Protein backbone atom coordinates (compact mmCIF):
# COMPACT_ATOMS: atom_id res chain seq x y z
CA UNK A 1 95.33 223.80 -202.55
CA UNK A 2 92.13 225.77 -203.51
CA UNK A 3 91.14 228.40 -200.85
CA UNK A 4 87.49 229.51 -200.50
CA UNK A 5 85.18 231.09 -198.15
CA UNK A 6 82.09 229.87 -196.54
CA UNK A 7 79.14 232.12 -197.74
CA UNK A 8 78.68 233.48 -194.12
CA UNK A 9 82.33 234.17 -193.81
CA UNK A 10 82.34 235.96 -197.17
CA UNK A 11 79.52 238.22 -195.77
CA UNK A 12 81.40 238.86 -192.60
CA UNK A 13 84.58 239.82 -194.49
CA UNK A 14 82.68 242.48 -196.48
CA UNK A 15 81.00 243.71 -193.23
CA UNK A 16 84.43 244.00 -191.45
CA UNK A 17 86.04 245.82 -194.35
CA UNK A 18 83.16 248.31 -194.46
CA UNK A 19 83.59 248.81 -190.69
CA UNK A 20 87.38 249.24 -190.92
CA UNK A 21 86.96 251.69 -193.83
CA UNK A 22 84.56 253.73 -191.77
CA UNK A 23 87.06 254.06 -188.99
CA UNK A 24 90.20 254.89 -191.07
CA UNK A 25 90.22 255.69 -194.69
CA UNK A 26 92.07 252.89 -196.65
CA UNK A 27 92.05 250.51 -193.69
CA UNK A 28 89.14 248.44 -195.27
CA UNK A 29 91.01 247.98 -198.53
CA UNK A 30 94.18 247.13 -196.60
CA UNK A 31 92.29 244.62 -194.60
CA UNK A 32 91.01 242.79 -197.73
CA UNK A 33 94.50 242.96 -199.44
CA UNK A 34 96.09 241.27 -196.32
CA UNK A 35 93.36 238.72 -196.12
CA UNK A 36 93.83 237.87 -199.87
CA UNK A 37 97.67 237.62 -199.17
CA UNK A 38 97.12 235.27 -196.27
CA UNK A 39 94.73 233.09 -198.18
CA UNK A 40 97.22 232.81 -201.06
CA UNK A 41 99.91 231.90 -198.57
CA UNK A 42 97.58 229.18 -197.08
CA UNK A 43 96.90 227.85 -200.59
CA UNK A 44 100.55 227.47 -201.23
CA UNK A 45 101.54 226.27 -197.71
CA UNK A 46 98.53 224.70 -195.94
CA UNK A 47 100.37 223.94 -192.79
CA UNK A 48 101.56 227.42 -192.25
CA UNK A 49 100.43 229.31 -189.09
CA UNK A 50 99.30 228.42 -185.68
CA UNK A 51 96.69 225.99 -184.56
CA UNK A 52 93.33 226.87 -183.13
CA UNK A 53 92.32 225.32 -179.85
CA UNK A 54 88.73 225.82 -179.05
CA UNK A 55 89.67 225.57 -175.31
CA UNK A 56 91.75 228.75 -175.60
CA UNK A 57 90.63 232.36 -175.83
CA UNK A 58 92.53 233.13 -178.96
CA UNK A 59 94.16 231.55 -181.96
CA UNK A 60 98.04 231.64 -182.06
CA UNK A 61 98.79 234.85 -184.02
CA UNK A 62 102.16 236.47 -184.59
CA UNK A 63 102.88 240.20 -185.05
CA UNK A 64 101.09 243.33 -184.20
CA UNK A 65 97.47 243.64 -185.43
CA UNK A 66 95.85 246.84 -186.81
CA UNK A 67 92.64 245.09 -186.88
CA UNK A 68 91.08 242.40 -184.65
CA UNK A 69 90.81 239.35 -187.13
CA UNK A 70 92.23 235.90 -187.46
CA UNK A 71 91.96 233.57 -190.46
CA UNK A 72 90.66 230.16 -189.36
CA UNK A 73 90.64 227.38 -191.93
CA UNK A 74 89.91 223.78 -192.35
CA UNK A 75 91.16 221.30 -194.90
CA UNK A 76 88.12 219.54 -196.30
CA UNK A 77 88.31 215.84 -196.90
CA UNK A 78 88.26 216.22 -200.67
CA UNK A 79 91.30 218.41 -200.55
CA UNK A 80 93.31 216.44 -198.05
CA UNK A 81 96.48 215.01 -199.39
């Protein structure tokens, strides 16, 4: 499946990377690398991960987080199987 970003999300990713890099040298690049890894995983296995429930405070996330970030995605009708 093709994975892409909404233009507003792309801007947000770049801003977050710059913020993390300003806090800890290398953290911004690490953030982008991890995001790219997660997107590649989603492209290969679209059903992986937890589900987001708008009624809950947080998405289902596993493992320790060095940054406060979650990848939310939607399968667009033209890409649905």
